[in-house]
Amino acid sequence: MTKCRGCGEEIDFVELRSGKFMPVEAMISETYYVHQGAAGAPQIVVVLNSGDVIRGRLGTQHESGVLKVEGRESHFARCPKAREFRR
């Protein structure tokens, strides 16, 4: 595992379809229910092992219109120093 240079937490990286690497939380993949592209809180960015990125509002499995995905949350969502690494 690698430690984030900003906050010191353990992170991992997933290669995106573009060839770039995105930092993700170091835990194993979890199942998320996401209203893809929907506004509102809480927002989530899930990175799939395939390199796809799903953005939207976090939902529950019993809501209609949710997309069930398995992946890891982007580290940028939790890191207090994320702005220092944005280009």
PDB file of N, CA and C in Angstrom:
ATOM      1  N   MET A   1       0.833  -1.191   0.000  1.00  0.00           N
ATOM      2  CA  MET A   1       0.000   0.000   0.000  1.00  0.00           C
ATOM      3  C   MET A   1       0.875   1.251   0.000  1.00  0.00           C
ATOM      4  N   THR A   2       0.290   2.296  -0.493  1.00  0.00           N
ATOM      5  CA  THR A   2       0.941   3.600  -0.550  1.00  0.00           C
ATOM      6  C   THR A   2       0.241   4.529   0.429  1.00  0.00           C
ATOM      7  N   LYS A   3       0.975   5.479   0.970  1.00  0.00           N
ATOM      8  CA  LYS A   3       0.359   6.483   1.840  1.00  0.00           C
ATOM      9  C   LYS A   3       0.168   7.768   1.056  1.00  0.00           C
ATOM     10  N   CYS A   4      -0.961   8.409   1.284  1.00  0.00           N
ATOM     11  CA  CYS A   4      -1.268   9.687   0.651  1.00  0.00           C
ATOM     12  C   CYS A   4      -0.252  10.726   1.133  1.00  0.00           C
ATOM     13  N   ARG A   5       0.321  11.482   0.194  1.00  0.00           N
ATOM     14  CA  ARG A   5       1.292  12.521   0.567  1.00  0.00           C
ATOM     15  C   ARG A   5       0.631  13.696   1.265  1.00  0.00           C
ATOM     16  N   GLY A   6      -0.689  13.808   1.139  1.00  0.00           N
ATOM     17  CA  GLY A   6      -1.392  14.915   1.778  1.00  0.00           C
ATOM     18  C   GLY A   6      -1.811  14.629   3.202  1.00  0.00           C
ATOM     19  N   CYS A   7      -2.515  13.496   3.396  1.00  0.00           N
ATOM     20  CA  CYS A   7      -3.091  13.211   4.715  1.00  0.00           C
ATOM     21  C   CYS A   7      -2.435  12.034   5.427  1.00  0.00           C
ATOM     22  N   GLY A   8      -1.629  11.243   4.714  1.00  0.00           N
ATOM     23  CA  GLY A   8      -0.937  10.123   5.341  1.00  0.00           C
ATOM     24  C   GLY A   8      -1.732   8.830   5.422  1.00  0.00           C
ATOM     25  N   GLU A   9      -2.980   8.826   4.948  1.00  0.00           N
ATOM     26  CA  GLU A   9      -3.791   7.610   4.971  1.00  0.00           C
ATOM     27  C   GLU A   9      -3.319   6.632   3.903  1.00  0.00           C
ATOM     28  N   GLU A  10      -3.545   5.328   4.139  1.00  0.00           N
ATOM     29  CA  GLU A  10      -3.202   4.329   3.137  1.00  0.00           C
ATOM     30  C   GLU A  10      -4.189   4.398   1.979  1.00  0.00           C
ATOM     31  N   ILE A  11      -3.643   4.393   0.766  1.00  0.00           N
ATOM     32  CA  ILE A  11      -4.469   4.459  -0.442  1.00  0.00           C
ATOM     33  C   ILE A  11      -3.962   3.430  -1.451  1.00  0.00           C
ATOM     34  N   ASP A  12      -4.749   3.236  -2.475  1.00  0.00           N
ATOM     35  CA  ASP A  12      -4.382   2.375  -3.586  1.00  0.00           C
ATOM     36  C   ASP A  12      -4.680   3.179  -4.852  1.00  0.00           C
ATOM     37  N   PHE A  13      -4.315   2.664  -6.006  1.00  0.00           N
ATOM     38  CA  PHE A  13      -4.579   3.353  -7.261  1.00  0.00           C
ATOM     39  C   PHE A  13      -5.261   2.396  -8.229  1.00  0.00           C
ATOM     40  N   VAL A  14      -6.181   2.943  -9.029  1.00  0.00           N
ATOM     41  CA  VAL A  14      -6.840   2.193 -10.087  1.00  0.00           C
ATOM     42  C   VAL A  14      -6.546   2.922 -11.395  1.00  0.00           C
ATOM     43  N   GLU A  15      -6.148   2.158 -12.420  1.00  0.00           N
ATOM     44  CA  GLU A  15      -5.889   2.758 -13.723  1.00  0.00           C
ATOM     45  C   GLU A  15      -7.213   3.007 -14.425  1.00  0.00           C
ATOM     46  N   LEU A  16      -7.427   4.258 -14.819  1.00  0.00           N
ATOM     47  CA  LEU A  16      -8.647   4.642 -15.526  1.00  0.00           C
ATOM     48  C   LEU A  16      -8.510   4.280 -17.003  1.00  0.00           C
ATOM     49  N   ARG A  17      -9.614   4.296 -17.708  1.00  0.00           N
ATOM     50  CA  ARG A  17      -9.594   3.977 -19.142  1.00  0.00           C
ATOM     51  C   ARG A  17      -8.702   4.940 -19.916  1.00  0.00           C
ATOM     52  N   SER A  18      -8.519   6.137 -19.394  1.00  0.00           N
ATOM     53  CA  SER A  18      -7.674   7.140 -20.051  1.00  0.00           C
ATOM     54  C   SER A  18      -6.185   6.840 -19.896  1.00  0.00           C
ATOM     55  N   GLY A  19      -5.856   5.877 -19.038  1.00  0.00           N
ATOM     56  CA  GLY A  19      -4.455   5.556 -18.769  1.00  0.00           C
ATOM     57  C   GLY A  19      -3.912   6.253 -17.538  1.00  0.00           C
ATOM     58  N   LYS A  20      -4.662   7.214 -16.994  1.00  0.00           N
ATOM     59  CA  LYS A  20      -4.250   7.902 -15.776  1.00  0.00           C
ATOM     60  C   LYS A  20      -4.614   7.037 -14.572  1.00  0.00           C
ATOM     61  N   PHE A  21      -3.986   7.317 -13.447  1.00  0.00           N
ATOM     62  CA  PHE A  21      -4.257   6.570 -12.217  1.00  0.00           C
ATOM     63  C   PHE A  21      -4.998   7.461 -11.233  1.00  0.00           C
ATOM     64  N   MET A  22      -6.050   6.908 -10.601  1.00  0.00           N
ATOM     65  CA  MET A  22      -6.826   7.655  -9.610  1.00  0.00           C
ATOM     66  C   MET A  22      -6.641   7.008  -8.252  1.00  0.00           C
ATOM     67  N   PRO A  23      -6.362   7.834  -7.216  1.00  0.00           N
ATOM     68  CA  PRO A  23      -6.237   7.277  -5.872  1.00  0.00           C
ATOM     69  C   PRO A  23      -7.610   6.886  -5.323  1.00  0.00           C
ATOM     70  N   VAL A  24      -7.662   5.715  -4.714  1.00  0.00           N
ATOM     71  CA  VAL A  24      -8.901   5.222  -4.119  1.00  0.00           C
ATOM     72  C   VAL A  24      -8.629   4.796  -2.688  1.00  0.00           C
ATOM     73  N   GLU A  25      -9.685   4.676  -1.920  1.00  0.00           N
ATOM     74  CA  GLU A  25      -9.547   4.198  -0.555  1.00  0.00           C
ATOM     75  C   GLU A  25      -8.945   2.798  -0.587  1.00  0.00           C
ATOM     76  N   ALA A  26      -8.119   2.485   0.371  1.00  0.00           N
ATOM     77  CA  ALA A  26      -7.340   1.248   0.370  1.00  0.00           C
ATOM     78  C   ALA A  26      -8.157  -0.005   0.672  1.00  0.00           C
ATOM     79  N   MET A  27      -9.384   0.155   1.083  1.00  0.00           N
ATOM     80  CA  MET A  27     -10.192  -1.016   1.418  1.00  0.00           C
ATOM     81  C   MET A  27     -10.583  -1.797   0.168  1.00  0.00           C
ATOM     82  N   ILE A  28     -11.162  -2.951   0.365  1.00  0.00           N
ATOM     83  CA  ILE A  28     -11.606  -3.769  -0.765  1.00  0.00           C
ATOM     84  C   ILE A  28     -12.858  -3.160  -1.392  1.00  0.00           C
ATOM     85  N   SER A  29     -13.201  -3.642  -2.564  1.00  0.00           N
ATOM     86  CA  SER A  29     -14.390  -3.144  -3.254  1.00  0.00           C
ATOM     87  C   SER A  29     -15.639  -3.354  -2.411  1.00  0.00           C
ATOM     88  N   GLU A  30     -16.556  -2.411  -2.515  1.00  0.00           N
ATOM     89  CA  GLU A  30     -17.845  -2.497  -1.827  1.00  0.00           C
ATOM     90  C   GLU A  30     -18.954  -2.296  -2.848  1.00  0.00           C
ATOM     91  N   THR A  31     -20.167  -2.643  -2.457  1.00  0.00           N
ATOM     92  CA  THR A  31     -21.330  -2.432  -3.315  1.00  0.00           C
ATOM     93  C   THR A  31     -21.958  -1.087  -2.965  1.00  0.00           C
ATOM     94  N   TYR A  32     -22.215  -0.293  -3.992  1.00  0.00           N
ATOM     95  CA  TYR A  32     -22.847   1.012  -3.822  1.00  0.00           C
ATOM     96  C   TYR A  32     -24.084   1.068  -4.708  1.00  0.00           C
ATOM     97  N   TYR A  33     -25.057   1.845  -4.295  1.00  0.00           N
ATOM     98  CA  TYR A  33     -26.265   2.099  -5.078  1.00  0.00           C
ATOM     99  C   TYR A  33     -26.253   3.591  -5.405  1.00  0.00           C
ATOM    100  N   VAL A  34     -26.146   3.911  -6.690  1.00  0.00           N
ATOM    101  CA  VAL A  34     -25.903   5.292  -7.106  1.00  0.00           C
ATOM    102  C   VAL A  34     -26.957   5.737  -8.108  1.00  0.00           C
ATOM    103  N   HIS A  35     -27.494   6.938  -7.892  1.00  0.00           N
ATOM    104  CA  HIS A  35     -28.337   7.612  -8.885  1.00  0.00           C
ATOM    105  C   HIS A  35     -27.360   8.350  -9.780  1.00  0.00           C
ATOM    106  N   GLN A  36     -26.979   7.739 -10.879  1.00  0.00           N
ATOM    107  CA  GLN A  36     -25.921   8.261 -11.726  1.00  0.00           C
ATOM    108  C   GLN A  36     -26.259   9.645 -12.256  1.00  0.00           C
ATOM    109  N   GLY A  37     -25.330  10.593 -12.035  1.00  0.00           N
ATOM    110  CA  GLY A  37     -25.483  11.952 -12.534  1.00  0.00           C
ATOM    111  C   GLY A  37     -26.493  12.805 -11.791  1.00  0.00           C
ATOM    112  N   ALA A  38     -27.123  12.272 -10.738  1.00  0.00           N
ATOM    113  CA  ALA A  38     -28.158  13.017 -10.014  1.00  0.00           C
ATOM    114  C   ALA A  38     -27.542  14.009  -9.033  1.00  0.00           C
ATOM    115  N   ALA A  39     -28.200  15.151  -8.898  1.00  0.00           N
ATOM    116  CA  ALA A  39     -27.778  16.154  -7.922  1.00  0.00           C
ATOM    117  C   ALA A  39     -28.315  15.785  -6.547  1.00  0.00           C
ATOM    118  N   GLY A  40     -27.823  16.445  -5.536  1.00  0.00           N
ATOM    119  CA  GLY A  40     -28.284  16.207  -4.178  1.00  0.00           C
ATOM    120  C   GLY A  40     -27.227  15.525  -3.340  1.00  0.00           C
ATOM    121  N   ALA A  41     -27.488  15.480  -2.064  1.00  0.00           N
ATOM    122  CA  ALA A  41     -26.515  14.890  -1.128  1.00  0.00           C
ATOM    123  C   ALA A  41     -27.020  13.540  -0.665  1.00  0.00           C
ATOM    124  N   PRO A  42     -26.161  12.638  -0.295  1.00  0.00           N
ATOM    125  CA  PRO A  42     -24.701  12.708  -0.382  1.00  0.00           C
ATOM    126  C   PRO A  42     -24.207  12.291  -1.759  1.00  0.00           C
ATOM    127  N   GLN A  43     -23.208  13.013  -2.272  1.00  0.00           N
ATOM    128  CA  GLN A  43     -22.590  12.695  -3.558  1.00  0.00           C
ATOM    129  C   GLN A  43     -21.489  11.670  -3.351  1.00  0.00           C
ATOM    130  N   ILE A  44     -21.232  10.854  -4.376  1.00  0.00           N
ATOM    131  CA  ILE A  44     -20.197   9.840  -4.284  1.00  0.00           C
ATOM    132  C   ILE A  44     -19.533   9.667  -5.647  1.00  0.00           C
ATOM    133  N   VAL A  45     -18.252   9.339  -5.617  1.00  0.00           N
ATOM    134  CA  VAL A  45     -17.500   8.991  -6.820  1.00  0.00           C
ATOM    135  C   VAL A  45     -16.948   7.597  -6.581  1.00  0.00           C
ATOM    136  N   VAL A  46     -17.422   6.631  -7.383  1.00  0.00           N
ATOM    137  CA  VAL A  46     -16.999   5.237  -7.239  1.00  0.00           C
ATOM    138  C   VAL A  46     -16.137   4.878  -8.450  1.00  0.00           C
ATOM    139  N   VAL A  47     -14.964   4.325  -8.163  1.00  0.00           N
ATOM    140  CA  VAL A  47     -14.046   3.902  -9.211  1.00  0.00           C
ATOM    141  C   VAL A  47     -14.138   2.384  -9.315  1.00  0.00           C
ATOM    142  N   LEU A  48     -14.510   1.901 -10.500  1.00  0.00           N
ATOM    143  CA  LEU A  48     -14.635   0.471 -10.722  1.00  0.00           C
ATOM    144  C   LEU A  48     -13.280  -0.114 -11.104  1.00  0.00           C
ATOM    145  N   ASN A  49     -13.083  -1.392 -10.867  1.00  0.00           N
ATOM    146  CA  ASN A  49     -11.816  -2.030 -11.225  1.00  0.00           C
ATOM    147  C   ASN A  49     -11.560  -1.989 -12.731  1.00  0.00           C
ATOM    148  N   SER A  50     -12.616  -1.820 -13.519  1.00  0.00           N
ATOM    149  CA  SER A  50     -12.485  -1.737 -14.974  1.00  0.00           C
ATOM    150  C   SER A  50     -11.900  -0.401 -15.425  1.00  0.00           C
ATOM    151  N   GLY A  51     -11.819   0.569 -14.508  1.00  0.00           N
ATOM    152  CA  GLY A  51     -11.321   1.897 -14.851  1.00  0.00           C
ATOM    153  C   GLY A  51     -12.415   2.899 -15.123  1.00  0.00           C
ATOM    154  N   ASP A  52     -13.668   2.485 -15.036  1.00  0.00           N
ATOM    155  CA  ASP A  52     -14.797   3.404 -15.204  1.00  0.00           C
ATOM    156  C   ASP A  52     -15.030   4.156 -13.905  1.00  0.00           C
ATOM    157  N   VAL A  53     -15.549   5.382 -14.028  1.00  0.00           N
ATOM    158  CA  VAL A  53     -15.863   6.216 -12.874  1.00  0.00           C
ATOM    159  C   VAL A  53     -17.352   6.501 -12.893  1.00  0.00           C
ATOM    160  N   ILE A  54     -18.024   6.232 -11.774  1.00  0.00           N
ATOM    161  CA  ILE A  54     -19.461   6.485 -11.637  1.00  0.00           C
ATOM    162  C   ILE A  54     -19.647   7.607 -10.632  1.00  0.00           C
ATOM    163  N   ARG A  55     -20.329   8.676 -11.062  1.00  0.00           N
ATOM    164  CA  ARG A  55     -20.590   9.821 -10.180  1.00  0.00           C
ATOM    165  C   ARG A  55     -22.093   9.983 -10.016  1.00  0.00           C
ATOM    166  N   GLY A  56     -22.491  10.379  -8.824  1.00  0.00           N
ATOM    167  CA  GLY A  56     -23.905  10.639  -8.608  1.00  0.00           C
ATOM    168  C   GLY A  56     -24.257  10.711  -7.147  1.00  0.00           C
ATOM    169  N   ARG A  57     -25.555  10.631  -6.906  1.00  0.00           N
ATOM    170  CA  ARG A  57     -26.054  10.696  -5.531  1.00  0.00           C
ATOM    171  C   ARG A  57     -26.161   9.280  -4.987  1.00  0.00           C
ATOM    172  N   LEU A  58     -25.683   9.090  -3.773  1.00  0.00           N
ATOM    173  CA  LEU A  58     -25.744   7.799  -3.111  1.00  0.00           C
ATOM    174  C   LEU A  58     -27.196   7.476  -2.776  1.00  0.00           C
ATOM    175  N   GLY A  59     -27.603   6.260  -3.082  1.00  0.00           N
ATOM    176  CA  GLY A  59     -28.972   5.835  -2.812  1.00  0.00           C
ATOM    177  C   GLY A  59     -28.994   4.544  -2.014  1.00  0.00           C
ATOM    178  N   THR A  60     -30.136   3.884  -2.000  1.00  0.00           N
ATOM    179  CA  THR A  60     -30.281   2.595  -1.327  1.00  0.00           C
ATOM    180  C   THR A  60     -30.802   1.582  -2.333  1.00  0.00           C
ATOM    181  N   GLN A  61     -30.657   0.315  -2.006  1.00  0.00           N
ATOM    182  CA  GLN A  61     -31.042  -0.719  -2.960  1.00  0.00           C
ATOM    183  C   GLN A  61     -32.531  -0.748  -3.244  1.00  0.00           C
ATOM    184  N   HIS A  62     -33.349  -0.162  -2.393  1.00  0.00           N
ATOM    185  CA  HIS A  62     -34.801  -0.209  -2.577  1.00  0.00           C
ATOM    186  C   HIS A  62     -35.350   0.996  -3.335  1.00  0.00           C
ATOM    187  N   GLU A  63     -34.494   1.932  -3.704  1.00  0.00           N
ATOM    188  CA  GLU A  63     -34.936   3.087  -4.478  1.00  0.00           C
ATOM    189  C   GLU A  63     -34.986   2.728  -5.960  1.00  0.00           C
ATOM    190  N   SER A  64     -35.945   3.264  -6.656  1.00  0.00           N
ATOM    191  CA  SER A  64     -36.000   3.005  -8.093  1.00  0.00           C
ATOM    192  C   SER A  64     -34.999   3.920  -8.799  1.00  0.00           C
ATOM    193  N   GLY A  65     -34.435   3.420  -9.887  1.00  0.00           N
ATOM    194  CA  GLY A  65     -33.513   4.215 -10.677  1.00  0.00           C
ATOM    195  C   GLY A  65     -32.073   4.201 -10.216  1.00  0.00           C
ATOM    196  N   VAL A  66     -31.752   3.366  -9.224  1.00  0.00           N
ATOM    197  CA  VAL A  66     -30.364   3.309  -8.772  1.00  0.00           C
ATOM    198  C   VAL A  66     -29.578   2.297  -9.589  1.00  0.00           C
ATOM    199  N   LEU A  67     -28.299   2.558  -9.729  1.00  0.00           N
ATOM    200  CA  LEU A  67     -27.381   1.664 -10.409  1.00  0.00           C
ATOM    201  C   LEU A  67     -26.553   0.961  -9.335  1.00  0.00           C
ATOM    202  N   LYS A  68     -26.563  -0.368  -9.343  1.00  0.00           N
ATOM    203  CA  LYS A  68     -25.782  -1.136  -8.375  1.00  0.00           C
ATOM    204  C   LYS A  68     -24.389  -1.329  -8.960  1.00  0.00           C
ATOM    205  N   VAL A  69     -23.373  -0.822  -8.261  1.00  0.00           N
ATOM    206  CA  VAL A  69     -21.993  -0.936  -8.744  1.00  0.00           C
ATOM    207  C   VAL A  69     -21.099  -1.458  -7.634  1.00  0.00           C
ATOM    208  N   GLU A  70     -20.027  -2.116  -8.035  1.00  0.00           N
ATOM    209  CA  GLU A  70     -19.047  -2.593  -7.071  1.00  0.00           C
ATOM    210  C   GLU A  70     -17.722  -1.919  -7.388  1.00  0.00           C
ATOM    211  N   GLY A  71     -17.174  -1.205  -6.425  1.00  0.00           N
ATOM    212  CA  GLY A  71     -15.932  -0.481  -6.644  1.00  0.00           C
ATOM    213  C   GLY A  71     -15.434   0.125  -5.344  1.00  0.00           C
ATOM    214  N   ARG A  72     -14.544   1.080  -5.487  1.00  0.00           N
ATOM    215  CA  ARG A  72     -13.976   1.757  -4.320  1.00  0.00           C
ATOM    216  C   ARG A  72     -14.165   3.250  -4.454  1.00  0.00           C
ATOM    217  N   GLU A  73     -14.343   3.898  -3.332  1.00  0.00           N
ATOM    218  CA  GLU A  73     -14.573   5.336  -3.317  1.00  0.00           C
ATOM    219  C   GLU A  73     -13.282   6.082  -3.629  1.00  0.00           C
ATOM    220  N   SER A  74     -13.396   7.136  -4.413  1.00  0.00           N
ATOM    221  CA  SER A  74     -12.255   7.981  -4.729  1.00  0.00           C
ATOM    222  C   SER A  74     -11.682   8.569  -3.441  1.00  0.00           C
ATOM    223  N   HIS A  75     -10.368   8.563  -3.303  1.00  0.00           N
ATOM    224  CA  HIS A  75      -9.734   9.137  -2.108  1.00  0.00           C
ATOM    225  C   HIS A  75      -9.919  10.646  -2.070  1.00  0.00           C
ATOM    226  N   PHE A  76     -10.074  11.285  -3.236  1.00  0.00           N
ATOM    227  CA  PHE A  76     -10.273  12.730  -3.284  1.00  0.00           C
ATOM    228  C   PHE A  76     -11.516  13.155  -2.499  1.00  0.00           C
ATOM    229  N   ALA A  77     -12.485  12.267  -2.372  1.00  0.00           N
ATOM    230  CA  ALA A  77     -13.724  12.604  -1.661  1.00  0.00           C
ATOM    231  C   ALA A  77     -13.504  12.765  -0.166  1.00  0.00           C
ATOM    232  N   ARG A  78     -12.484  12.118   0.392  1.00  0.00           N
ATOM    233  CA  ARG A  78     -12.254  12.148   1.832  1.00  0.00           C
ATOM    234  C   ARG A  78     -11.003  12.899   2.261  1.00  0.00           C
ATOM    235  N   CYS A  79     -10.046  13.042   1.372  1.00  0.00           N
ATOM    236  CA  CYS A  79      -8.760  13.635   1.727  1.00  0.00           C
ATOM    237  C   CYS A  79      -8.903  15.139   1.970  1.00  0.00           C
ATOM    238  N   PRO A  80      -8.503  15.611   3.143  1.00  0.00           N
ATOM    239  CA  PRO A  80      -8.600  17.044   3.423  1.00  0.00           C
ATOM    240  C   PRO A  80      -7.628  17.878   2.582  1.00  0.00           C
ATOM    241  N   LYS A  81      -6.646  17.265   1.969  1.00  0.00           N
ATOM    242  CA  LYS A  81      -5.643  17.976   1.162  1.00  0.00           C
ATOM    243  C   LYS A  81      -5.851  17.735  -0.338  1.00  0.00           C
ATOM    244  N   ALA A  82      -7.001  17.242  -0.745  1.00  0.00           N
ATOM    245  CA  ALA A  82      -7.256  16.865  -2.136  1.00  0.00           C
ATOM    246  C   ALA A  82      -7.015  18.026  -3.113  1.00  0.00           C
ATOM    247  N   ARG A  83      -7.335  19.225  -2.718  1.00  0.00           N
ATOM    248  CA  ARG A  83      -7.185  20.377  -3.627  1.00  0.00           C
ATOM    249  C   ARG A  83      -5.740  20.593  -4.046  1.00  0.00           C
ATOM    250  N   GLU A  84      -4.796  20.190  -3.205  1.00  0.00           N
ATOM    251  CA  GLU A  84      -3.383  20.372  -3.531  1.00  0.00           C
ATOM    252  C   GLU A  84      -2.945  19.488  -4.708  1.00  0.00           C
ATOM    253  N   PHE A  85      -3.702  18.432  -5.010  1.00  0.00           N
ATOM    254  CA  PHE A  85      -3.301  17.494  -6.035  1.00  0.00           C
ATOM    255  C   PHE A  85      -4.105  17.652  -7.332  1.00  0.00           C
ATOM    256  N   ARG A  86      -5.090  18.527  -7.346  1.00  0.00           N
ATOM    257  CA  ARG A  86      -5.898  18.723  -8.551  1.00  0.00           C
ATOM    258  C   ARG A  86      -5.131  19.568  -9.547  1.00  0.00           C
ATOM    259  N   ARG A  87      -5.313  19.234 -10.810  1.00  0.00           N
ATOM    260  CA  ARG A  87      -4.600  19.974 -11.874  1.00  0.00           C
ATOM    261  C   ARG A  87      -5.527  20.929 -12.557  1.00  0.00           C
TER     262      ARG A  87
END
